[in-house]
N, C-alpha and C. Protein backbone atom coordinates (compact mmCIF):
# COMPACT_ATOMS: atom_id res chain seq x y z
N MET A 1 0.88 -1.30 -0.08
CA MET A 1 0.29 0.10 -0.26
C MET A 1 0.76 1.26 0.10
N ARG A 2 0.33 2.07 -1.00
CA ARG A 2 1.28 3.44 -0.92
C ARG A 2 1.07 4.74 0.07
N GLU A 3 1.95 5.30 0.18
CA GLU A 3 1.67 6.25 1.32
C GLU A 3 0.94 7.48 0.79
N ILE A 4 -0.13 7.87 1.19
CA ILE A 4 -0.84 8.80 0.60
C ILE A 4 -0.36 10.01 1.66
N LYS A 5 -0.18 11.07 0.65
CA LYS A 5 0.32 12.35 1.05
C LYS A 5 -0.02 13.50 0.06
N PHE A 6 0.33 14.30 0.42
CA PHE A 6 0.38 15.65 -0.51
C PHE A 6 1.26 16.92 -0.05
N ARG A 7 1.48 17.73 -0.98
CA ARG A 7 2.39 19.33 -0.64
C ARG A 7 1.41 20.34 -1.56
N ALA A 8 1.47 21.26 -1.15
CA ALA A 8 0.74 22.61 -1.80
C ALA A 8 1.79 23.69 -2.09
N TRP A 9 1.27 24.10 -3.38
CA TRP A 9 2.21 25.52 -3.83
C TRP A 9 0.83 26.52 -3.69
N ARG A 10 1.31 27.31 -3.07
CA ARG A 10 0.24 28.71 -2.46
C ARG A 10 0.53 29.77 -3.36
N ARG A 11 -0.37 29.84 -4.52
CA ARG A 11 0.15 30.96 -5.69
C ARG A 11 0.04 32.49 -5.41
N ASP A 12 -0.48 32.91 -4.46
CA ASP A 12 -0.38 34.40 -4.00
C ASP A 12 0.85 34.56 -3.18
N LEU A 13 1.89 33.42 -2.60
CA LEU A 13 2.43 33.62 -1.76
C LEU A 13 4.23 33.27 -2.37
N LYS A 14 3.65 32.58 -3.59
CA LYS A 14 4.66 31.83 -4.43
C LYS A 14 5.70 31.07 -3.82
N LYS A 15 5.17 29.87 -2.85
CA LYS A 15 5.58 29.36 -1.78
C LYS A 15 5.42 27.75 -1.68
N LEU A 16 6.34 26.82 -1.56
CA LEU A 16 5.73 25.78 -1.82
C LEU A 16 5.94 24.96 -0.14
N TYR A 17 4.88 24.27 0.32
CA TYR A 17 4.93 23.84 1.38
C TYR A 17 4.70 22.21 1.48
N PRO A 18 5.86 21.77 1.93
CA PRO A 18 5.68 20.20 2.55
C PRO A 18 4.82 19.67 2.71
N SER A 19 4.31 18.38 2.79
CA SER A 19 2.86 17.82 3.26
C SER A 19 2.89 17.84 4.49
N TRP A 20 3.69 17.90 5.64
CA TRP A 20 3.10 18.22 6.82
C TRP A 20 2.84 19.80 7.45
N ASP A 21 3.40 20.36 6.81
CA ASP A 21 3.19 21.91 6.76
C ASP A 21 1.94 22.29 6.46
N ILE A 22 1.03 21.66 5.55
CA ILE A 22 -0.34 22.14 5.45
C ILE A 22 -1.02 21.75 6.39
N TRP A 23 -1.12 20.75 6.88
CA TRP A 23 -2.19 20.96 8.29
C TRP A 23 -1.55 21.51 9.66
N VAL A 24 -0.27 21.19 9.93
CA VAL A 24 0.20 21.82 11.28
C VAL A 24 0.16 23.26 11.06
N THR A 25 0.42 24.28 9.97
CA THR A 25 0.18 25.38 9.87
C THR A 25 -0.91 25.96 9.90
N ASN A 26 -2.28 25.10 9.40
CA ASN A 26 -3.55 25.34 9.15
C ASN A 26 -3.51 25.92 7.84
N LEU A 27 -2.70 25.75 6.81
CA LEU A 27 -2.58 26.38 5.44
C LEU A 27 -4.03 25.94 4.83
N TYR A 28 -4.65 24.58 5.11
CA TYR A 28 -5.87 24.63 4.12
C TYR A 28 -7.01 25.15 4.95
N ASP A 29 -7.25 26.39 4.92
CA ASP A 29 -8.02 27.12 5.60
C ASP A 29 -9.10 27.73 4.49
N PHE A 30 -10.04 27.93 4.57
CA PHE A 30 -11.09 28.47 3.85
C PHE A 30 -10.83 30.01 3.31
N GLU A 31 -10.06 30.55 4.02
CA GLU A 31 -9.61 31.83 3.79
C GLU A 31 -9.04 32.14 2.54
N PHE A 32 -8.09 31.04 2.40
CA PHE A 32 -7.25 31.10 0.96
C PHE A 32 -6.98 29.82 0.20
N ALA A 33 -8.03 29.12 0.60
CA ALA A 33 -8.08 27.47 -0.07
C ALA A 33 -8.14 27.74 -1.67
N ASP A 34 -8.58 28.82 -2.04
CA ASP A 34 -8.47 29.13 -3.73
C ASP A 34 -7.07 29.48 -3.95
N GLN A 35 -6.11 29.73 -3.09
CA GLN A 35 -4.62 30.36 -3.67
C GLN A 35 -3.90 28.76 -3.74
N LEU A 36 -4.57 27.73 -3.25
CA LEU A 36 -3.36 26.73 -3.23
C LEU A 36 -3.70 25.58 -4.35
N ASP A 37 -2.67 25.26 -4.70
CA ASP A 37 -2.84 24.04 -5.56
C ASP A 37 -2.04 22.58 -4.98
N LEU A 38 -2.76 21.71 -4.82
CA LEU A 38 -2.20 20.44 -4.01
C LEU A 38 -1.76 19.66 -5.09
N MET A 39 -0.46 18.72 -4.81
CA MET A 39 -0.06 18.09 -5.18
C MET A 39 0.55 16.47 -4.61
N GLN A 40 -0.12 15.58 -5.22
CA GLN A 40 0.03 14.25 -4.54
C GLN A 40 1.14 13.57 -4.85
N TYR A 41 1.64 12.59 -4.07
CA TYR A 41 2.63 11.93 -3.95
C TYR A 41 2.27 10.61 -4.70
N THR A 42 3.57 10.36 -5.63
CA THR A 42 3.07 8.96 -6.52
C THR A 42 3.33 8.02 -6.06
N GLY A 43 4.03 7.85 -4.58
CA GLY A 43 4.28 6.60 -4.11
C GLY A 43 5.81 5.82 -4.43
N LEU A 44 6.29 6.93 -5.40
CA LEU A 44 7.49 6.23 -6.12
C LEU A 44 8.85 7.51 -5.79
N LYS A 45 9.80 7.14 -5.81
CA LYS A 45 11.25 7.80 -5.45
C LYS A 45 11.96 7.74 -6.85
N ASP A 46 12.87 8.73 -6.94
CA ASP A 46 13.69 8.89 -7.94
C ASP A 46 15.05 7.97 -7.98
N CYS A 47 16.03 7.85 -9.21
CA CYS A 47 17.31 6.90 -8.99
C CYS A 47 18.31 7.71 -8.35
N LYS A 48 18.32 8.95 -8.23
CA LYS A 48 19.56 9.56 -7.78
C LYS A 48 19.44 9.47 -5.78
N ARG A 49 20.66 9.10 -5.54
CA ARG A 49 20.97 9.17 -4.34
C ARG A 49 22.19 10.19 -3.73
N ASP A 50 21.74 10.73 -2.46
CA ASP A 50 22.73 11.58 -2.33
C ASP A 50 22.49 11.90 -0.64
N VAL A 51 23.27 12.62 -0.19
CA VAL A 51 23.11 12.98 1.41
C VAL A 51 21.88 13.48 1.81
N VAL A 52 21.03 14.21 0.83
CA VAL A 52 19.95 14.67 1.11
C VAL A 52 18.85 13.71 1.16
N HIS A 53 18.82 13.07 0.07
CA HIS A 53 18.00 11.79 -0.26
C HIS A 53 18.81 10.60 -0.42
N PRO A 54 19.16 10.10 0.50
CA PRO A 54 19.61 8.62 0.55
C PRO A 54 18.73 7.55 -0.10
N ASN A 55 17.81 7.69 -0.19
CA ASN A 55 16.90 6.29 -0.39
C ASN A 55 16.08 6.75 -2.15
N GLY A 56 16.58 8.23 -2.45
CA GLY A 56 16.09 8.54 -3.52
C GLY A 56 14.84 9.91 -3.30
N GLN A 57 14.63 10.93 -4.09
CA GLN A 57 13.93 11.95 -3.69
C GLN A 57 12.10 11.52 -4.15
N GLU A 58 11.20 11.83 -3.16
CA GLU A 58 9.80 11.66 -3.52
C GLU A 58 9.73 12.12 -4.90
N ILE A 59 8.52 11.44 -5.64
CA ILE A 59 8.22 12.01 -6.81
C ILE A 59 6.87 12.62 -6.48
N TYR A 60 6.37 13.75 -6.71
CA TYR A 60 4.98 14.56 -6.95
C TYR A 60 4.16 14.91 -7.96
N GLU A 61 3.14 14.53 -7.91
CA GLU A 61 2.63 15.23 -9.31
C GLU A 61 2.83 17.29 -9.56
N GLY A 62 3.38 17.25 -10.44
CA GLY A 62 4.21 18.46 -10.78
C GLY A 62 5.12 18.46 -10.75
N ASP A 63 5.89 17.75 -10.43
CA ASP A 63 7.61 17.64 -10.61
C ASP A 63 8.04 17.60 -11.74
N ILE A 64 8.90 18.03 -12.05
CA ILE A 64 9.74 18.07 -13.35
C ILE A 64 10.63 17.14 -13.23
N VAL A 65 10.89 16.01 -14.27
CA VAL A 65 11.75 14.89 -14.10
C VAL A 65 12.52 14.61 -15.17
N ARG A 66 13.73 13.87 -15.13
CA ARG A 66 14.58 13.54 -16.27
C ARG A 66 14.02 11.90 -16.20
N THR A 67 13.46 11.47 -17.27
CA THR A 67 13.40 10.01 -17.52
C THR A 67 14.01 9.27 -18.74
N LEU A 68 14.31 8.04 -18.56
CA LEU A 68 15.35 7.30 -19.57
C LEU A 68 14.28 5.96 -20.06
N SER A 69 14.09 6.40 -21.62
CA SER A 69 13.02 5.14 -22.09
C SER A 69 13.70 5.21 -23.58
N ARG A 70 13.81 3.59 -23.89
CA ARG A 70 14.66 2.99 -24.83
C ARG A 70 15.83 3.87 -25.43
N GLY A 71 16.44 3.99 -24.29
CA GLY A 71 17.86 4.80 -24.71
C GLY A 71 17.90 6.33 -24.94
N TRP A 72 16.74 7.01 -24.76
CA TRP A 72 16.52 8.42 -24.85
C TRP A 72 16.01 8.84 -23.77
N LEU A 73 16.57 9.96 -23.28
CA LEU A 73 16.54 10.97 -22.10
C LEU A 73 15.67 12.01 -22.22
N PHE A 74 14.02 11.86 -21.64
CA PHE A 74 13.14 13.06 -21.96
C PHE A 74 13.10 13.89 -20.44
N THR A 75 12.71 15.14 -20.75
CA THR A 75 12.67 16.04 -19.38
C THR A 75 11.08 16.06 -19.55
N GLY A 76 10.04 15.87 -18.32
CA GLY A 76 8.63 16.26 -18.69
C GLY A 76 8.08 16.45 -17.21
N ALA A 77 6.84 16.94 -17.19
CA ALA A 77 6.12 17.04 -15.87
C ALA A 77 5.10 15.72 -15.51
N VAL A 78 5.48 15.40 -14.02
CA VAL A 78 4.81 14.23 -13.58
C VAL A 78 3.09 14.75 -13.73
N VAL A 79 2.35 13.77 -14.16
CA VAL A 79 1.12 14.24 -14.16
C VAL A 79 0.03 12.84 -14.31
N TRP A 80 -1.10 13.09 -13.41
CA TRP A 80 -2.18 11.89 -13.46
C TRP A 80 -2.79 11.63 -14.86
N LYS A 81 -2.79 10.73 -15.83
CA LYS A 81 -3.25 10.33 -16.78
C LYS A 81 -4.04 9.16 -17.02
N ARG A 82 -5.36 9.24 -17.20
CA ARG A 82 -6.40 7.95 -17.33
C ARG A 82 -6.40 7.37 -16.14
N ASP A 83 -5.48 6.32 -15.90
CA ASP A 83 -5.61 5.57 -14.82
C ASP A 83 -4.32 5.49 -14.22
N GLY A 84 -3.52 6.09 -14.44
CA GLY A 84 -2.04 6.07 -13.62
C GLY A 84 -1.01 7.40 -14.12
N TRP A 85 0.05 7.26 -13.17
CA TRP A 85 1.20 8.50 -13.34
C TRP A 85 1.86 8.27 -14.49
N ASP A 86 2.06 9.58 -15.39
CA ASP A 86 2.65 9.70 -16.27
C ASP A 86 3.50 10.60 -16.34
N VAL A 87 4.61 10.75 -17.41
CA VAL A 87 5.57 12.09 -17.45
C VAL A 87 5.49 12.84 -19.07
N ASP A 88 4.37 13.95 -18.65
CA ASP A 88 3.95 14.70 -20.06
C ASP A 88 5.27 15.47 -20.33
N VAL A 89 6.07 14.82 -21.53
CA VAL A 89 6.74 15.53 -22.20
C VAL A 89 6.56 16.31 -23.30
N GLU A 90 5.25 16.82 -23.49
CA GLU A 90 4.74 17.55 -24.91
C GLU A 90 5.55 18.73 -24.82
N LYS A 91 5.69 19.53 -23.75
CA LYS A 91 6.09 21.07 -23.71
C LYS A 91 7.95 20.92 -24.20
N SER A 92 8.46 19.76 -23.79
CA SER A 92 9.86 19.97 -23.80
C SER A 92 10.06 19.16 -25.34
N ALA A 93 9.17 18.14 -25.60
CA ALA A 93 9.71 17.44 -27.01
C ALA A 93 9.04 18.18 -28.17
N GLY A 94 7.61 18.94 -27.81
CA GLY A 94 6.88 19.67 -28.97
C GLY A 94 6.08 18.92 -29.86
N ASP A 95 6.12 17.33 -29.56
CA ASP A 95 5.01 16.55 -30.66
C ASP A 95 4.50 15.92 -30.00
N GLY A 96 3.91 16.48 -29.02
CA GLY A 96 2.77 15.68 -28.14
C GLY A 96 2.82 14.45 -27.44
N LEU A 97 4.34 13.85 -27.32
CA LEU A 97 4.77 12.88 -26.95
C LEU A 97 4.42 12.49 -25.34
N TRP A 98 3.91 11.24 -24.90
CA TRP A 98 3.95 11.08 -23.60
C TRP A 98 4.57 9.86 -23.14
N TYR A 99 5.19 9.89 -22.19
CA TYR A 99 6.04 8.86 -21.70
C TYR A 99 5.33 8.00 -20.69
N GLY A 100 4.95 6.76 -20.78
CA GLY A 100 4.32 6.01 -20.09
C GLY A 100 4.70 5.40 -18.60
N GLY A 101 3.96 6.16 -17.91
CA GLY A 101 5.00 5.41 -16.31
C GLY A 101 5.72 6.29 -15.67
N LEU A 102 6.29 5.64 -14.54
CA LEU A 102 7.49 6.66 -13.91
C LEU A 102 8.55 5.50 -13.69
N GLY A 103 8.29 4.40 -13.90
CA GLY A 103 9.55 3.62 -13.69
C GLY A 103 10.83 3.95 -13.86
N ASP A 104 11.30 4.56 -14.95
CA ASP A 104 12.67 4.71 -15.17
C ASP A 104 12.94 6.25 -15.28
N VAL A 105 12.16 6.84 -13.89
CA VAL A 105 12.82 8.37 -13.56
C VAL A 105 14.11 8.43 -13.07
N GLN A 106 14.79 9.06 -13.75
CA GLN A 106 16.48 9.40 -13.37
C GLN A 106 16.35 10.22 -12.22
N GLU A 107 16.05 11.27 -12.24
CA GLU A 107 15.75 12.68 -11.24
C GLU A 107 14.86 13.39 -11.22
N VAL A 108 14.60 13.67 -9.90
CA VAL A 108 13.72 15.09 -10.08
C VAL A 108 14.71 16.08 -10.03
N ILE A 109 14.21 17.17 -10.78
CA ILE A 109 14.92 18.21 -11.24
C ILE A 109 14.16 19.69 -10.91
N GLY A 110 12.95 19.48 -10.59
CA GLY A 110 12.23 20.64 -10.11
C GLY A 110 10.86 20.62 -10.06
N ASN A 111 10.06 21.76 -10.41
CA ASN A 111 8.71 21.39 -10.58
C ASN A 111 8.07 22.64 -11.28
N ILE A 112 6.83 22.62 -11.63
CA ILE A 112 6.22 23.33 -12.54
C ILE A 112 5.98 24.63 -11.99
N TYR A 113 6.15 24.77 -10.89
CA TYR A 113 5.92 26.01 -10.02
C TYR A 113 7.02 27.04 -10.09
N GLU A 114 8.10 26.33 -9.53
CA GLU A 114 9.33 27.33 -9.24
C GLU A 114 10.36 27.34 -10.44
N ASN A 115 10.11 26.33 -11.16
CA ASN A 115 11.13 25.80 -12.34
C ASN A 115 10.36 25.75 -13.91
N PRO A 116 9.41 26.23 -14.24
CA PRO A 116 8.76 26.21 -15.21
C PRO A 116 9.50 26.42 -16.47
N GLU A 117 10.80 27.20 -16.48
CA GLU A 117 11.66 27.13 -17.85
C GLU A 117 12.17 25.68 -18.16
N LEU A 118 12.35 24.93 -17.48
CA LEU A 118 13.21 23.64 -17.50
C LEU A 118 12.15 22.53 -18.81
N LEU A 119 10.85 23.45 -18.87
CA LEU A 119 10.09 22.52 -19.76
C LEU A 119 10.05 23.09 -21.10
N THR A 120 10.93 24.00 -21.37
CA THR A 120 10.75 25.02 -22.40
C THR A 120 12.32 24.38 -23.32
């Protein structure tokens, strides 16, 4: 069973809140709920290992990832499509291509809110 958790981007403050801060700081309040974009955890981690993420970095909806498929390296955003997580490489590939699944994600390199330039 995968862990269910979220993180949030608050548009008016341009700030990303980790999952525990959403509820601890009462972030999800009706006063500014319309300013939040929630991103769900996929239950997966990337392949990169470092001191900060010894077991890999968690992959969330809206993350921008580098993924390897059939010898090609693609960059795209993690999205929910139909019935599973996918990497949308349409904006970076320019041809409407979808890479199916997250199994070969090499690394999380950013997210669509803080690093949209990574998709151009």
